[in-house]
């Protein structure tokens, strides 16, 4: 149809701030604040579990992030990333 798709950024971070999230940091991860959650959606064949980390003292609704795990399943690294994202004010599910 001759119309090229155009990216529209609607998030709270600009590209530079988003790129900064991916820079290696030397500081320690924040204390573990999340917890394992079990999800059993109606109509689904198998339940699944995740790690949910929420900002301390925050009340909803909140912006959220869903983290996909590495090839070897959810691990401590992905859970710590969820805690880091929660420390920035997001609800984070790994």
PDB file of N, CA and C in Angstrom:
ATOM      1  N   UNK A   1       0.805  -1.207   0.000  1.00  0.00           N
ATOM      2  CA  UNK A   1       0.000   0.000   0.000  1.00  0.00           C
ATOM      3  C   UNK A   1       0.841   1.260   0.000  1.00  0.00           C
ATOM      4  N   UNK A   2       2.171   1.100   0.036  1.00  0.00           N
ATOM      5  CA  UNK A   2       3.050   2.259  -0.034  1.00  0.00           C
ATOM      6  C   UNK A   2       3.215   3.002   1.267  1.00  0.00           C
ATOM      7  N   UNK A   3       2.556   2.556   2.338  1.00  0.00           N
ATOM      8  CA  UNK A   3       2.668   3.242   3.627  1.00  0.00           C
ATOM      9  C   UNK A   3       3.691   2.505   4.472  1.00  0.00           C
ATOM     10  N   UNK A   4       4.710   3.209   4.898  1.00  0.00           N
ATOM     11  CA  UNK A   4       5.715   2.565   5.743  1.00  0.00           C
ATOM     12  C   UNK A   4       5.327   2.715   7.205  1.00  0.00           C
ATOM     13  N   UNK A   5       5.590   1.689   8.015  1.00  0.00           N
ATOM     14  CA  UNK A   5       5.257   1.787   9.441  1.00  0.00           C
ATOM     15  C   UNK A   5       6.124   2.841  10.106  1.00  0.00           C
ATOM     16  N   UNK A   6       5.572   3.479  11.071  1.00  0.00           N
ATOM     17  CA  UNK A   6       6.289   4.521  11.791  1.00  0.00           C
ATOM     18  C   UNK A   6       6.262   4.190  13.272  1.00  0.00           C
ATOM     19  N   UNK A   7       7.406   4.150  13.899  1.00  0.00           N
ATOM     20  CA  UNK A   7       7.480   3.868  15.325  1.00  0.00           C
ATOM     21  C   UNK A   7       6.988   5.082  16.104  1.00  0.00           C
ATOM     22  N   UNK A   8       6.169   4.834  17.090  1.00  0.00           N
ATOM     23  CA  UNK A   8       5.671   5.896  17.954  1.00  0.00           C
ATOM     24  C   UNK A   8       6.011   5.513  19.382  1.00  0.00           C
ATOM     25  N   UNK A   9       6.816   6.307  20.030  1.00  0.00           N
ATOM     26  CA  UNK A   9       7.214   6.022  21.403  1.00  0.00           C
ATOM     27  C   UNK A   9       6.199   6.641  22.344  1.00  0.00           C
ATOM     28  N   UNK A  10       5.595   5.808  23.188  1.00  0.00           N
ATOM     29  CA  UNK A  10       4.585   6.308  24.109  1.00  0.00           C
ATOM     30  C   UNK A  10       4.993   6.118  25.562  1.00  0.00           C
ATOM     31  N   UNK A  11       6.207   5.612  25.807  1.00  0.00           N
ATOM     32  CA  UNK A  11       6.658   5.336  27.159  1.00  0.00           C
ATOM     33  C   UNK A  11       7.199   6.559  27.867  1.00  0.00           C
ATOM     34  N   UNK A  12       7.566   6.370  29.112  1.00  0.00           N
ATOM     35  CA  UNK A  12       8.062   7.462  29.935  1.00  0.00           C
ATOM     36  C   UNK A  12       9.548   7.718  29.729  1.00  0.00           C
ATOM     37  N   UNK A  13      10.262   6.796  29.069  1.00  0.00           N
ATOM     38  CA  UNK A  13      11.698   6.946  28.859  1.00  0.00           C
ATOM     39  C   UNK A  13      12.003   7.335  27.420  1.00  0.00           C
ATOM     40  N   UNK A  14      12.971   8.221  27.247  1.00  0.00           N
ATOM     41  CA  UNK A  14      13.436   8.476  25.885  1.00  0.00           C
ATOM     42  C   UNK A  14      14.465   7.407  25.524  1.00  0.00           C
ATOM     43  N   UNK A  15      14.928   7.401  24.288  1.00  0.00           N
ATOM     44  CA  UNK A  15      15.847   6.349  23.843  1.00  0.00           C
ATOM     45  C   UNK A  15      17.134   6.321  24.644  1.00  0.00           C
ATOM     46  N   UNK A  16      17.660   7.463  24.999  1.00  0.00           N
ATOM     47  CA  UNK A  16      18.906   7.517  25.761  1.00  0.00           C
ATOM     48  C   UNK A  16      18.716   6.914  27.154  1.00  0.00           C
ATOM     49  N   UNK A  17      17.604   7.218  27.803  1.00  0.00           N
ATOM     50  CA  UNK A  17      17.334   6.654  29.131  1.00  0.00           C
ATOM     51  C   UNK A  17      17.114   5.153  29.044  1.00  0.00           C
ATOM     52  N   UNK A  18      16.443   4.701  27.996  1.00  0.00           N
ATOM     53  CA  UNK A  18      16.230   3.263  27.810  1.00  0.00           C
ATOM     54  C   UNK A  18      17.565   2.548  27.608  1.00  0.00           C
ATOM     55  N   UNK A  19      18.444   3.123  26.797  1.00  0.00           N
ATOM     56  CA  UNK A  19      19.762   2.522  26.562  1.00  0.00           C
ATOM     57  C   UNK A  19      20.563   2.462  27.856  1.00  0.00           C
ATOM     58  N   UNK A  20      20.407   3.456  28.725  1.00  0.00           N
ATOM     59  CA  UNK A  20      21.138   3.467  29.991  1.00  0.00           C
ATOM     60  C   UNK A  20      20.724   2.308  30.890  1.00  0.00           C
ATOM     61  N   UNK A  21      19.498   1.816  30.747  1.00  0.00           N
ATOM     62  CA  UNK A  21      19.055   0.665  31.532  1.00  0.00           C
ATOM     63  C   UNK A  21      19.857  -0.583  31.205  1.00  0.00           C
ATOM     64  N   UNK A  22      20.467  -0.626  30.027  1.00  0.00           N
ATOM     65  CA  UNK A  22      21.201  -1.805  29.581  1.00  0.00           C
ATOM     66  C   UNK A  22      22.704  -1.711  29.801  1.00  0.00           C
ATOM     67  N   UNK A  23      23.162  -0.620  30.389  1.00  0.00           N
ATOM     68  CA  UNK A  23      24.583  -0.482  30.683  1.00  0.00           C
ATOM     69  C   UNK A  23      24.914  -1.285  31.937  1.00  0.00           C
ATOM     70  N   UNK A  24      26.096  -1.894  31.935  1.00  0.00           N
ATOM     71  CA  UNK A  24      26.531  -2.635  33.112  1.00  0.00           C
ATOM     72  C   UNK A  24      26.710  -1.677  34.273  1.00  0.00           C
ATOM     73  N   UNK A  25      26.252  -2.113  35.428  1.00  0.00           N
ATOM     74  CA  UNK A  25      26.356  -1.287  36.623  1.00  0.00           C
ATOM     75  C   UNK A  25      27.244  -1.992  37.632  1.00  0.00           C
ATOM     76  N   UNK A  26      27.968  -1.240  38.413  1.00  0.00           N
ATOM     77  CA  UNK A  26      28.856  -1.818  39.407  1.00  0.00           C
ATOM     78  C   UNK A  26      28.243  -1.906  40.790  1.00  0.00           C
ATOM     79  N   UNK A  27      27.112  -1.237  40.998  1.00  0.00           N
ATOM     80  CA  UNK A  27      26.503  -1.270  42.327  1.00  0.00           C
ATOM     81  C   UNK A  27      25.765  -2.590  42.557  1.00  0.00           C
ATOM     82  N   UNK A  28      25.478  -2.857  43.797  1.00  0.00           N
ATOM     83  CA  UNK A  28      24.775  -4.091  44.144  1.00  0.00           C
ATOM     84  C   UNK A  28      23.300  -3.972  43.777  1.00  0.00           C
ATOM     85  N   UNK A  29      22.707  -5.098  43.500  1.00  0.00           N
ATOM     86  CA  UNK A  29      21.270  -5.125  43.237  1.00  0.00           C
ATOM     87  C   UNK A  29      20.531  -4.734  44.510  1.00  0.00           C
ATOM     88  N   UNK A  30      19.354  -4.158  44.377  1.00  0.00           N
ATOM     89  CA  UNK A  30      18.589  -3.816  45.578  1.00  0.00           C
ATOM     90  C   UNK A  30      18.191  -5.087  46.325  1.00  0.00           C
ATOM     91  N   UNK A  31      17.799  -4.947  47.585  1.00  0.00           N
ATOM     92  CA  UNK A  31      17.374  -6.127  48.344  1.00  0.00           C
ATOM     93  C   UNK A  31      16.218  -6.838  47.638  1.00  0.00           C
ATOM     94  N   UNK A  32      16.146  -8.149  47.824  1.00  0.00           N
ATOM     95  CA  UNK A  32      15.071  -8.929  47.211  1.00  0.00           C
ATOM     96  C   UNK A  32      13.741  -8.451  47.767  1.00  0.00           C
ATOM     97  N   UNK A  33      12.845  -8.059  46.880  1.00  0.00           N
ATOM     98  CA  UNK A  33      11.546  -7.553  47.318  1.00  0.00           C
ATOM     99  C   UNK A  33      10.395  -8.336  46.717  1.00  0.00           C
ATOM    100  N   UNK A  34      10.681  -9.151  45.725  1.00  0.00           N
ATOM    101  CA  UNK A  34       9.625  -9.870  45.022  1.00  0.00           C
ATOM    102  C   UNK A  34       9.292 -11.200  45.676  1.00  0.00           C
ATOM    103  N   UNK A  35       8.356 -11.873  45.056  1.00  0.00           N
ATOM    104  CA  UNK A  35       7.919 -13.178  45.548  1.00  0.00           C
ATOM    105  C   UNK A  35       7.460 -14.026  44.371  1.00  0.00           C
ATOM    106  N   UNK A  36       7.571 -15.322  44.532  1.00  0.00           N
ATOM    107  CA  UNK A  36       7.080 -16.238  43.513  1.00  0.00           C
ATOM    108  C   UNK A  36       5.560 -16.162  43.498  1.00  0.00           C
ATOM    109  N   UNK A  37       5.001 -16.137  42.309  1.00  0.00           N
ATOM    110  CA  UNK A  37       3.548 -16.145  42.150  1.00  0.00           C
ATOM    111  C   UNK A  37       3.178 -17.315  41.245  1.00  0.00           C
ATOM    112  N   UNK A  38       2.128 -17.995  41.596  1.00  0.00           N
ATOM    113  CA  UNK A  38       1.614 -19.088  40.772  1.00  0.00           C
ATOM    114  C   UNK A  38       0.368 -18.600  40.059  1.00  0.00           C
ATOM    115  N   UNK A  39       0.309 -18.839  38.763  1.00  0.00           N
ATOM    116  CA  UNK A  39      -0.803 -18.372  37.937  1.00  0.00           C
ATOM    117  C   UNK A  39      -1.460 -19.591  37.294  1.00  0.00           C
ATOM    118  N   UNK A  40      -2.755 -19.680  37.439  1.00  0.00           N
ATOM    119  CA  UNK A  40      -3.515 -20.782  36.841  1.00  0.00           C
ATOM    120  C   UNK A  40      -4.690 -20.179  36.083  1.00  0.00           C
ATOM    121  N   UNK A  41      -4.440 -19.663  34.866  1.00  0.00           N
ATOM    122  CA  UNK A  41      -5.500 -18.990  34.125  1.00  0.00           C
ATOM    123  C   UNK A  41      -6.611 -19.955  33.728  1.00  0.00           C
ATOM    124  N   UNK A  42      -7.865 -19.522  33.823  1.00  0.00           N
ATOM    125  CA  UNK A  42      -8.963 -20.385  33.415  1.00  0.00           C
ATOM    126  C   UNK A  42      -8.860 -20.751  31.936  1.00  0.00           C
ATOM    127  N   UNK A  43      -9.126 -21.986  31.617  1.00  0.00           N
ATOM    128  CA  UNK A  43      -9.108 -22.438  30.240  1.00  0.00           C
ATOM    129  C   UNK A  43      -7.737 -22.829  29.728  1.00  0.00           C
ATOM    130  N   UNK A  44      -6.697 -22.607  30.513  1.00  0.00           N
ATOM    131  CA  UNK A  44      -5.342 -22.987  30.096  1.00  0.00           C
ATOM    132  C   UNK A  44      -5.027 -24.386  30.611  1.00  0.00           C
ATOM    133  N   UNK A  45      -4.214 -25.109  29.854  1.00  0.00           N
ATOM    134  CA  UNK A  45      -3.891 -26.483  30.219  1.00  0.00           C
ATOM    135  C   UNK A  45      -2.908 -26.581  31.375  1.00  0.00           C
ATOM    136  N   UNK A  46      -1.959 -25.677  31.427  1.00  0.00           N
ATOM    137  CA  UNK A  46      -0.921 -25.767  32.451  1.00  0.00           C
ATOM    138  C   UNK A  46      -0.781 -24.451  33.209  1.00  0.00           C
ATOM    139  N   UNK A  47      -0.727 -24.521  34.518  1.00  0.00           N
ATOM    140  CA  UNK A  47      -0.418 -23.303  35.279  1.00  0.00           C
ATOM    141  C   UNK A  47       1.065 -22.967  35.114  1.00  0.00           C
ATOM    142  N   UNK A  48       1.448 -21.762  35.483  1.00  0.00           N
ATOM    143  CA  UNK A  48       2.852 -21.377  35.420  1.00  0.00           C
ATOM    144  C   UNK A  48       3.168 -20.517  36.628  1.00  0.00           C
ATOM    145  N   UNK A  49       4.446 -20.327  36.858  1.00  0.00           N
ATOM    146  CA  UNK A  49       4.861 -19.484  37.973  1.00  0.00           C
ATOM    147  C   UNK A  49       5.733 -18.352  37.445  1.00  0.00           C
ATOM    148  N   UNK A  50       5.853 -17.335  38.242  1.00  0.00           N
ATOM    149  CA  UNK A  50       6.682 -16.197  37.902  1.00  0.00           C
ATOM    150  C   UNK A  50       7.239 -15.584  39.169  1.00  0.00           C
ATOM    151  N   UNK A  51       7.942 -14.501  39.000  1.00  0.00           N
ATOM    152  CA  UNK A  51       8.507 -13.749  40.119  1.00  0.00           C
ATOM    153  C   UNK A  51       8.004 -12.328  39.962  1.00  0.00           C
ATOM    154  N   UNK A  52       7.227 -11.861  40.926  1.00  0.00           N
ATOM    155  CA  UNK A  52       6.624 -10.531  40.870  1.00  0.00           C
ATOM    156  C   UNK A  52       7.304  -9.627  41.881  1.00  0.00           C
ATOM    157  N   UNK A  53       7.804  -8.496  41.406  1.00  0.00           N
ATOM    158  CA  UNK A  53       8.435  -7.511  42.271  1.00  0.00           C
ATOM    159  C   UNK A  53       7.714  -6.183  42.098  1.00  0.00           C
ATOM    160  N   UNK A  54       7.339  -5.594  43.225  1.00  0.00           N
ATOM    161  CA  UNK A  54       6.583  -4.341  43.222  1.00  0.00           C
ATOM    162  C   UNK A  54       7.411  -3.248  43.898  1.00  0.00           C
ATOM    163  N   UNK A  55       7.228  -1.996  43.493  1.00  0.00           N
ATOM    164  CA  UNK A  55       7.918  -0.902  44.177  1.00  0.00           C
ATOM    165  C   UNK A  55       7.463  -0.818  45.629  1.00  0.00           C
ATOM    166  N   UNK A  56       8.367  -0.528  46.507  1.00  0.00           N
ATOM    167  CA  UNK A  56       8.021  -0.419  47.932  1.00  0.00           C
ATOM    168  C   UNK A  56       7.052   0.725  48.166  1.00  0.00           C
ATOM    169  N   UNK A  57       5.972   0.440  48.862  1.00  0.00           N
ATOM    170  CA  UNK A  57       5.008   1.462  49.244  1.00  0.00           C
ATOM    171  C   UNK A  57       4.174   2.028  48.120  1.00  0.00           C
ATOM    172  N   UNK A  58       4.314   1.521  46.925  1.00  0.00           N
ATOM    173  CA  UNK A  58       3.567   2.065  45.786  1.00  0.00           C
ATOM    174  C   UNK A  58       2.148   1.510  45.764  1.00  0.00           C
ATOM    175  N   UNK A  59       1.236   2.351  45.353  1.00  0.00           N
ATOM    176  CA  UNK A  59      -0.142   1.930  45.172  1.00  0.00           C
ATOM    177  C   UNK A  59      -0.466   2.018  43.688  1.00  0.00           C
ATOM    178  N   UNK A  60      -1.297   1.093  43.210  1.00  0.00           N
ATOM    179  CA  UNK A  60      -1.633   1.031  41.792  1.00  0.00           C
ATOM    180  C   UNK A  60      -2.628   2.091  41.393  1.00  0.00           C
ATOM    181  N   UNK A  61      -2.875   2.181  40.125  1.00  0.00           N
ATOM    182  CA  UNK A  61      -2.254   1.392  39.067  1.00  0.00           C
ATOM    183  C   UNK A  61      -0.809   1.846  38.829  1.00  0.00           C
ATOM    184  N   UNK A  62       0.012   0.920  38.370  1.00  0.00           N
ATOM    185  CA  UNK A  62       1.429   1.177  38.148  1.00  0.00           C
ATOM    186  C   UNK A  62       1.812   0.836  36.712  1.00  0.00           C
ATOM    187  N   UNK A  63       2.828   1.507  36.183  1.00  0.00           N
ATOM    188  CA  UNK A  63       3.378   1.029  34.915  1.00  0.00           C
ATOM    189  C   UNK A  63       4.029  -0.325  35.189  1.00  0.00           C
ATOM    190  N   UNK A  64       4.081  -1.175  34.191  1.00  0.00           N
ATOM    191  CA  UNK A  64       4.576  -2.533  34.415  1.00  0.00           C
ATOM    192  C   UNK A  64       5.551  -2.956  33.329  1.00  0.00           C
ATOM    193  N   UNK A  65       6.374  -3.933  33.686  1.00  0.00           N
ATOM    194  CA  UNK A  65       7.306  -4.539  32.743  1.00  0.00           C
ATOM    195  C   UNK A  65       7.218  -6.047  32.895  1.00  0.00           C
ATOM    196  N   UNK A  66       7.242  -6.754  31.778  1.00  0.00           N
ATOM    197  CA  UNK A  66       7.293  -8.209  31.790  1.00  0.00           C
ATOM    198  C   UNK A  66       8.658  -8.605  31.263  1.00  0.00           C
ATOM    199  N   UNK A  67       9.394  -9.376  32.042  1.00  0.00           N
ATOM    200  CA  UNK A  67      10.749  -9.787  31.668  1.00  0.00           C
ATOM    201  C   UNK A  67      10.708 -11.220  31.178  1.00  0.00           C
ATOM    202  N   UNK A  68      11.265 -11.451  30.016  1.00  0.00           N
ATOM    203  CA  UNK A  68      11.382 -12.821  29.535  1.00  0.00           C
ATOM    204  C   UNK A  68      12.708 -13.374  30.030  1.00  0.00           C
ATOM    205  N   UNK A  69      12.723 -14.648  30.327  1.00  0.00           N
ATOM    206  CA  UNK A  69      13.927 -15.246  30.887  1.00  0.00           C
ATOM    207  C   UNK A  69      14.875 -15.708  29.799  1.00  0.00           C
ATOM    208  N   UNK A  70      16.053 -16.063  30.231  1.00  0.00           N
ATOM    209  CA  UNK A  70      17.068 -16.580  29.322  1.00  0.00           C
ATOM    210  C   UNK A  70      16.694 -18.000  28.924  1.00  0.00           C
ATOM    211  N   UNK A  71      17.499 -18.612  28.101  1.00  0.00           N
ATOM    212  CA  UNK A  71      17.185 -19.946  27.573  1.00  0.00           C
ATOM    213  C   UNK A  71      17.066 -21.008  28.652  1.00  0.00           C
ATOM    214  N   UNK A  72      17.645 -20.792  29.793  1.00  0.00           N
ATOM    215  CA  UNK A  72      17.670 -21.832  30.833  1.00  0.00           C
ATOM    216  C   UNK A  72      16.609 -21.618  31.895  1.00  0.00           C
ATOM    217  N   UNK A  73      15.554 -20.913  31.603  1.00  0.00           N
ATOM    218  CA  UNK A  73      14.450 -20.693  32.521  1.00  0.00           C
ATOM    219  C   UNK A  73      14.730 -19.516  33.449  1.00  0.00           C
ATOM    220  N   UNK A  74      13.699 -19.140  34.189  1.00  0.00           N
ATOM    221  CA  UNK A  74      13.831 -18.037  35.144  1.00  0.00           C
ATOM    222  C   UNK A  74      14.870 -18.435  36.178  1.00  0.00           C
ATOM    223  N   UNK A  75      15.744 -17.482  36.528  1.00  0.00           N
ATOM    224  CA  UNK A  75      16.770 -17.762  37.521  1.00  0.00           C
ATOM    225  C   UNK A  75      16.967 -16.528  38.395  1.00  0.00           C
ATOM    226  N   UNK A  76      17.939 -16.600  39.271  1.00  0.00           N
ATOM    227  CA  UNK A  76      18.177 -15.495  40.198  1.00  0.00           C
ATOM    228  C   UNK A  76      18.506 -14.199  39.456  1.00  0.00           C
ATOM    229  N   UNK A  77      19.199 -14.296  38.339  1.00  0.00           N
ATOM    230  CA  UNK A  77      19.549 -13.107  37.569  1.00  0.00           C
ATOM    231  C   UNK A  77      18.303 -12.388  37.062  1.00  0.00           C
ATOM    232  N   UNK A  78      17.360 -13.131  36.479  1.00  0.00           N
ATOM    233  CA  UNK A  78      16.148 -12.478  35.971  1.00  0.00           C
ATOM    234  C   UNK A  78      15.299 -11.943  37.122  1.00  0.00           C
ATOM    235  N   UNK A  79      15.318 -12.621  38.267  1.00  0.00           N
ATOM    236  CA  UNK A  79      14.572 -12.126  39.427  1.00  0.00           C
ATOM    237  C   UNK A  79      15.196 -10.847  39.970  1.00  0.00           C
ATOM    238  N   UNK A  80      16.518 -10.779  39.983  1.00  0.00           N
ATOM    239  CA  UNK A  80      17.185  -9.552  40.448  1.00  0.00           C
ATOM    240  C   UNK A  80      16.919  -8.386  39.490  1.00  0.00           C
ATOM    241  N   UNK A  81      16.823  -8.687  38.180  1.00  0.00           N
ATOM    242  CA  UNK A  81      16.454  -7.622  37.235  1.00  0.00           C
ATOM    243  C   UNK A  81      15.046  -7.118  37.535  1.00  0.00           C
ATOM    244  N   UNK A  82      14.148  -8.010  37.875  1.00  0.00           N
ATOM    245  CA  UNK A  82      12.794  -7.583  38.246  1.00  0.00           C
ATOM    246  C   UNK A  82      12.848  -6.674  39.470  1.00  0.00           C
ATOM    247  N   UNK A  83      13.686  -7.011  40.447  1.00  0.00           N
ATOM    248  CA  UNK A  83      13.828  -6.160  41.630  1.00  0.00           C
ATOM    249  C   UNK A  83      14.391  -4.796  41.270  1.00  0.00           C
ATOM    250  N   UNK A  84      15.366  -4.758  40.355  1.00  0.00           N
ATOM    251  CA  UNK A  84      15.929  -3.469  39.929  1.00  0.00           C
ATOM    252  C   UNK A  84      14.863  -2.612  39.242  1.00  0.00           C
ATOM    253  N   UNK A  85      14.078  -3.221  38.398  1.00  0.00           N
ATOM    254  CA  UNK A  85      13.037  -2.474  37.686  1.00  0.00           C
ATOM    255  C   UNK A  85      11.972  -1.985  38.663  1.00  0.00           C
ATOM    256  N   UNK A  86      11.634  -2.814  39.657  1.00  0.00           N
ATOM    257  CA  UNK A  86      10.671  -2.396  40.681  1.00  0.00           C
ATOM    258  C   UNK A  86      11.222  -1.213  41.471  1.00  0.00           C
ATOM    259  N   UNK A  87      12.523  -1.196  41.721  1.00  0.00           N
ATOM    260  CA  UNK A  87      13.132  -0.073  42.456  1.00  0.00           C
ATOM    261  C   UNK A  87      13.011   1.235  41.669  1.00  0.00           C
ATOM    262  N   UNK A  88      12.795   1.133  40.341  1.00  0.00           N
ATOM    263  CA  UNK A  88      12.603   2.334  39.522  1.00  0.00           C
ATOM    264  C   UNK A  88      11.140   2.774  39.472  1.00  0.00           C
ATOM    265  N   UNK A  89      10.242   2.019  40.143  1.00  0.00           N
ATOM    266  CA  UNK A  89       8.844   2.430  40.221  1.00  0.00           C
ATOM    267  C   UNK A  89       7.896   1.626  39.360  1.00  0.00           C
ATOM    268  N   UNK A  90       8.335   0.505  38.810  1.00  0.00           N
ATOM    269  CA  UNK A  90       7.487  -0.327  37.953  1.00  0.00           C
ATOM    270  C   UNK A  90       7.114  -1.621  38.672  1.00  0.00           C
ATOM    271  N   UNK A  91       5.946  -2.150  38.358  1.00  0.00           N
ATOM    272  CA  UNK A  91       5.625  -3.521  38.731  1.00  0.00           C
ATOM    273  C   UNK A  91       6.344  -4.394  37.705  1.00  0.00           C
ATOM    274  N   UNK A  92       7.085  -5.402  38.166  1.00  0.00           N
ATOM    275  CA  UNK A  92       7.899  -6.204  37.256  1.00  0.00           C
ATOM    276  C   UNK A  92       7.616  -7.688  37.466  1.00  0.00           C
ATOM    277  N   UNK A  93       7.272  -8.380  36.379  1.00  0.00           N
ATOM    278  CA  UNK A  93       7.006  -9.816  36.426  1.00  0.00           C
ATOM    279  C   UNK A  93       8.035 -10.533  35.561  1.00  0.00           C
ATOM    280  N   UNK A  94       8.800 -11.427  36.200  1.00  0.00           N
ATOM    281  CA  UNK A  94       9.776 -12.237  35.462  1.00  0.00           C
ATOM    282  C   UNK A  94       9.183 -13.624  35.287  1.00  0.00           C
TER     283      UNK A  94
END
